[in-house]
């Protein structure tokens, strides 16, 4: 399941974080990072998924 979440996080980072933590602070931070730059959003999403 984590592999699927990582693939989703690469395609759409906020969705990957949402599937992992819901509407928490990490989700909103990931939206901000994705808007500022796609790569930081991906890195943050993969980190959140791998950490939990």
PDB file of N, CA and C in Angstrom:
ATOM      1  N   UNK A   1       0.821  -1.194   0.000  1.00  0.00           N
ATOM      2  CA  UNK A   1       0.000   0.000   0.000  1.00  0.00           C
ATOM      3  C   UNK A   1       0.861   1.252   0.000  1.00  0.00           C
ATOM      4  N   UNK A   2       1.997   1.221   0.703  1.00  0.00           N
ATOM      5  CA  UNK A   2       2.864   2.395   0.707  1.00  0.00           C
ATOM      6  C   UNK A   2       3.433   2.679  -0.674  1.00  0.00           C
ATOM      7  N   UNK A   3       3.711   1.642  -1.450  1.00  0.00           N
ATOM      8  CA  UNK A   3       4.224   1.850  -2.801  1.00  0.00           C
ATOM      9  C   UNK A   3       3.193   2.588  -3.650  1.00  0.00           C
ATOM     10  N   UNK A   4       1.944   2.230  -3.527  1.00  0.00           N
ATOM     11  CA  UNK A   4       0.880   2.908  -4.258  1.00  0.00           C
ATOM     12  C   UNK A   4       0.769   4.360  -3.819  1.00  0.00           C
ATOM     13  N   UNK A   5       0.873   4.609  -2.523  1.00  0.00           N
ATOM     14  CA  UNK A   5       0.829   5.995  -2.021  1.00  0.00           C
ATOM     15  C   UNK A   5       2.007   6.809  -2.524  1.00  0.00           C
ATOM     16  N   UNK A   6       3.184   6.212  -2.622  1.00  0.00           N
ATOM     17  CA  UNK A   6       4.355   6.934  -3.130  1.00  0.00           C
ATOM     18  C   UNK A   6       4.170   7.267  -4.597  1.00  0.00           C
ATOM     19  N   UNK A   7       3.611   6.350  -5.372  1.00  0.00           N
ATOM     20  CA  UNK A   7       3.349   6.625  -6.787  1.00  0.00           C
ATOM     21  C   UNK A   7       2.337   7.758  -6.920  1.00  0.00           C
ATOM     22  N   UNK A   8       1.286   7.723  -6.109  1.00  0.00           N
ATOM     23  CA  UNK A   8       0.303   8.809  -6.120  1.00  0.00           C
ATOM     24  C   UNK A   8       0.949  10.118  -5.694  1.00  0.00           C
ATOM     25  N   UNK A   9       1.864  10.071  -4.723  1.00  0.00           N
ATOM     26  CA  UNK A   9       2.539  11.276  -4.250  1.00  0.00           C
ATOM     27  C   UNK A   9       3.426  11.889  -5.328  1.00  0.00           C
ATOM     28  N   UNK A  10       3.976  11.076  -6.193  1.00  0.00           N
ATOM     29  CA  UNK A  10       4.796  11.613  -7.275  1.00  0.00           C
ATOM     30  C   UNK A  10       3.918  12.304  -8.320  1.00  0.00           C
ATOM     31  N   UNK A  11       2.739  11.730  -8.567  1.00  0.00           N
ATOM     32  CA  UNK A  11       1.832  12.313  -9.554  1.00  0.00           C
ATOM     33  C   UNK A  11       1.120  13.545  -8.988  1.00  0.00           C
ATOM     34  N   UNK A  12       0.578  13.420  -7.782  1.00  0.00           N
ATOM     35  CA  UNK A  12      -0.167  14.500  -7.137  1.00  0.00           C
ATOM     36  C   UNK A  12       0.160  14.502  -5.644  1.00  0.00           C
ATOM     37  N   UNK A  13       1.184  15.247  -5.233  1.00  0.00           N
ATOM     38  CA  UNK A  13       1.686  15.178  -3.855  1.00  0.00           C
ATOM     39  C   UNK A  13       0.639  15.394  -2.758  1.00  0.00           C
ATOM     40  N   UNK A  14      -0.238  16.397  -2.851  1.00  0.00           N
ATOM     41  CA  UNK A  14      -1.200  16.570  -1.750  1.00  0.00           C
ATOM     42  C   UNK A  14      -2.135  15.366  -1.568  1.00  0.00           C
ATOM     43  N   UNK A  15      -2.479  14.683  -2.639  1.00  0.00           N
ATOM     44  CA  UNK A  15      -3.347  13.512  -2.520  1.00  0.00           C
ATOM     45  C   UNK A  15      -2.636  12.390  -1.767  1.00  0.00           C
ATOM     46  N   UNK A  16      -1.369  12.197  -2.039  1.00  0.00           N
ATOM     47  CA  UNK A  16      -0.611  11.178  -1.318  1.00  0.00           C
ATOM     48  C   UNK A  16      -0.542  11.466   0.171  1.00  0.00           C
ATOM     49  N   UNK A  17      -0.345  12.732   0.526  1.00  0.00           N
ATOM     50  CA  UNK A  17      -0.298  13.108   1.941  1.00  0.00           C
ATOM     51  C   UNK A  17      -1.681  12.963   2.561  1.00  0.00           C
ATOM     52  N   UNK A  18      -2.716  13.358   1.841  1.00  0.00           N
ATOM     53  CA  UNK A  18      -4.074  13.227   2.356  1.00  0.00           C
ATOM     54  C   UNK A  18      -4.420  11.773   2.654  1.00  0.00           C
ATOM     55  N   UNK A  19      -4.026  10.871   1.775  1.00  0.00           N
ATOM     56  CA  UNK A  19      -4.313   9.453   1.999  1.00  0.00           C
ATOM     57  C   UNK A  19      -3.582   8.925   3.233  1.00  0.00           C
ATOM     58  N   UNK A  20      -2.468   9.549   3.584  1.00  0.00           N
ATOM     59  CA  UNK A  20      -1.682   9.094   4.734  1.00  0.00           C
ATOM     60  C   UNK A  20      -2.161   9.718   6.048  1.00  0.00           C
ATOM     61  N   UNK A  21      -2.389  11.040   6.054  1.00  0.00           N
ATOM     62  CA  UNK A  21      -2.665  11.728   7.330  1.00  0.00           C
ATOM     63  C   UNK A  21      -4.013  12.442   7.382  1.00  0.00           C
ATOM     64  N   UNK A  22      -4.738  12.553   6.292  1.00  0.00           N
ATOM     65  CA  UNK A  22      -6.007  13.274   6.300  1.00  0.00           C
ATOM     66  C   UNK A  22      -5.774  14.779   6.200  1.00  0.00           C
ATOM     67  N   UNK A  23      -6.741  15.545   6.720  1.00  0.00           N
ATOM     68  CA  UNK A  23      -6.661  17.007   6.639  1.00  0.00           C
ATOM     69  C   UNK A  23      -5.876  17.590   7.807  1.00  0.00           C
ATOM     70  N   UNK A  24      -4.689  17.098   8.044  1.00  0.00           N
ATOM     71  CA  UNK A  24      -3.850  17.610   9.118  1.00  0.00           C
ATOM     72  C   UNK A  24      -2.963  18.746   8.632  1.00  0.00           C
ATOM     73  N   UNK A  25      -2.082  19.172   9.497  1.00  0.00           N
ATOM     74  CA  UNK A  25      -1.164  20.253   9.155  1.00  0.00           C
ATOM     75  C   UNK A  25      -0.216  19.873   8.040  1.00  0.00           C
ATOM     76  N   UNK A  26       0.174  18.601   7.981  1.00  0.00           N
ATOM     77  CA  UNK A  26       1.087  18.153   6.927  1.00  0.00           C
ATOM     78  C   UNK A  26       0.440  18.280   5.556  1.00  0.00           C
ATOM     79  N   UNK A  27      -0.871  18.069   5.482  1.00  0.00           N
ATOM     80  CA  UNK A  27      -1.586  18.208   4.208  1.00  0.00           C
ATOM     81  C   UNK A  27      -1.519  19.644   3.703  1.00  0.00           C
ATOM     82  N   UNK A  28      -1.813  20.593   4.584  1.00  0.00           N
ATOM     83  CA  UNK A  28      -1.809  22.004   4.175  1.00  0.00           C
ATOM     84  C   UNK A  28      -0.395  22.483   3.861  1.00  0.00           C
ATOM     85  N   UNK A  29       0.580  22.003   4.608  1.00  0.00           N
ATOM     86  CA  UNK A  29       1.972  22.337   4.306  1.00  0.00           C
ATOM     87  C   UNK A  29       2.363  21.798   2.937  1.00  0.00           C
ATOM     88  N   UNK A  30       1.897  20.606   2.609  1.00  0.00           N
ATOM     89  CA  UNK A  30       2.225  20.023   1.319  1.00  0.00           C
ATOM     90  C   UNK A  30       1.574  20.795   0.183  1.00  0.00           C
ATOM     91  N   UNK A  31       0.367  21.265   0.370  1.00  0.00           N
ATOM     92  CA  UNK A  31      -0.271  22.095  -0.654  1.00  0.00           C
ATOM     93  C   UNK A  31       0.555  23.355  -0.883  1.00  0.00           C
ATOM     94  N   UNK A  32       0.997  23.992   0.194  1.00  0.00           N
ATOM     95  CA  UNK A  32       1.824  25.196   0.068  1.00  0.00           C
ATOM     96  C   UNK A  32       3.133  24.896  -0.647  1.00  0.00           C
ATOM     97  N   UNK A  33       3.802  23.812  -0.266  1.00  0.00           N
ATOM     98  CA  UNK A  33       5.060  23.446  -0.914  1.00  0.00           C
ATOM     99  C   UNK A  33       4.859  23.107  -2.388  1.00  0.00           C
ATOM    100  N   UNK A  34       3.757  22.450  -2.715  1.00  0.00           N
ATOM    101  CA  UNK A  34       3.484  22.102  -4.103  1.00  0.00           C
ATOM    102  C   UNK A  34       3.210  23.350  -4.926  1.00  0.00           C
ATOM    103  N   UNK A  35       2.533  24.322  -4.343  1.00  0.00           N
ATOM    104  CA  UNK A  35       2.279  25.575  -5.061  1.00  0.00           C
ATOM    105  C   UNK A  35       3.569  26.370  -5.269  1.00  0.00           C
ATOM    106  N   UNK A  36       4.473  26.302  -4.304  1.00  0.00           N
ATOM    107  CA  UNK A  36       5.744  27.022  -4.427  1.00  0.00           C
ATOM    108  C   UNK A  36       6.710  26.330  -5.369  1.00  0.00           C
ATOM    109  N   UNK A  37       6.579  25.042  -5.502  1.00  0.00           N
ATOM    110  CA  UNK A  37       7.447  24.283  -6.393  1.00  0.00           C
ATOM    111  C   UNK A  37       7.061  22.825  -6.346  1.00  0.00           C
ATOM    112  N   UNK A  38       6.925  22.210  -7.465  1.00  0.00           N
ATOM    113  CA  UNK A  38       6.422  20.845  -7.535  1.00  0.00           C
ATOM    114  C   UNK A  38       7.366  19.853  -6.845  1.00  0.00           C
ATOM    115  N   UNK A  39       8.663  20.028  -7.017  1.00  0.00           N
ATOM    116  CA  UNK A  39       9.652  19.107  -6.439  1.00  0.00           C
ATOM    117  C   UNK A  39       9.631  19.138  -4.905  1.00  0.00           C
ATOM    118  N   UNK A  40       9.581  20.312  -4.254  1.00  0.00           N
ATOM    119  CA  UNK A  40       9.487  20.291  -2.785  1.00  0.00           C
ATOM    120  C   UNK A  40       8.223  19.586  -2.284  1.00  0.00           C
ATOM    121  N   UNK A  41       7.134  19.713  -3.019  1.00  0.00           N
ATOM    122  CA  UNK A  41       5.904  19.008  -2.653  1.00  0.00           C
ATOM    123  C   UNK A  41       6.073  17.509  -2.731  1.00  0.00           C
ATOM    124  N   UNK A  42       6.748  17.038  -3.769  1.00  0.00           N
ATOM    125  CA  UNK A  42       6.991  15.594  -3.920  1.00  0.00           C
ATOM    126  C   UNK A  42       7.892  15.084  -2.804  1.00  0.00           C
ATOM    127  N   UNK A  43       8.956  15.807  -2.520  1.00  0.00           N
ATOM    128  CA  UNK A  43       9.892  15.389  -1.471  1.00  0.00           C
ATOM    129  C   UNK A  43       9.179  15.312  -0.122  1.00  0.00           C
ATOM    130  N   UNK A  44       8.392  16.316   0.184  1.00  0.00           N
ATOM    131  CA  UNK A  44       7.662  16.327   1.453  1.00  0.00           C
ATOM    132  C   UNK A  44       6.662  15.171   1.519  1.00  0.00           C
ATOM    133  N   UNK A  45       5.947  14.919   0.436  1.00  0.00           N
ATOM    134  CA  UNK A  45       4.951  13.848   0.418  1.00  0.00           C
ATOM    135  C   UNK A  45       5.601  12.483   0.611  1.00  0.00           C
ATOM    136  N   UNK A  46       6.692  12.237  -0.083  1.00  0.00           N
ATOM    137  CA  UNK A  46       7.374  10.947   0.056  1.00  0.00           C
ATOM    138  C   UNK A  46       7.938  10.802   1.470  1.00  0.00           C
ATOM    139  N   UNK A  47       8.435  11.885   2.028  1.00  0.00           N
ATOM    140  CA  UNK A  47       8.966  11.852   3.395  1.00  0.00           C
ATOM    141  C   UNK A  47       7.868  11.529   4.391  1.00  0.00           C
ATOM    142  N   UNK A  48       6.692  12.155   4.254  1.00  0.00           N
ATOM    143  CA  UNK A  48       5.569  11.889   5.155  1.00  0.00           C
ATOM    144  C   UNK A  48       5.132  10.424   5.046  1.00  0.00           C
ATOM    145  N   UNK A  49       5.038   9.914   3.832  1.00  0.00           N
ATOM    146  CA  UNK A  49       4.596   8.530   3.627  1.00  0.00           C
ATOM    147  C   UNK A  49       5.629   7.550   4.175  1.00  0.00           C
ATOM    148  N   UNK A  50       6.897   7.797   3.929  1.00  0.00           N
ATOM    149  CA  UNK A  50       7.952   6.881   4.375  1.00  0.00           C
ATOM    150  C   UNK A  50       8.127   6.917   5.898  1.00  0.00           C
ATOM    151  N   UNK A  51       7.858   8.043   6.503  1.00  0.00           N
ATOM    152  CA  UNK A  51       8.039   8.201   7.942  1.00  0.00           C
ATOM    153  C   UNK A  51       7.009   7.428   8.747  1.00  0.00           C
ATOM    154  N   UNK A  52       5.807   7.304   8.237  1.00  0.00           N
ATOM    155  CA  UNK A  52       4.729   6.646   8.993  1.00  0.00           C
ATOM    156  C   UNK A  52       4.527   5.256   8.548  1.00  0.00           C
TER     157      UNK A  52
END
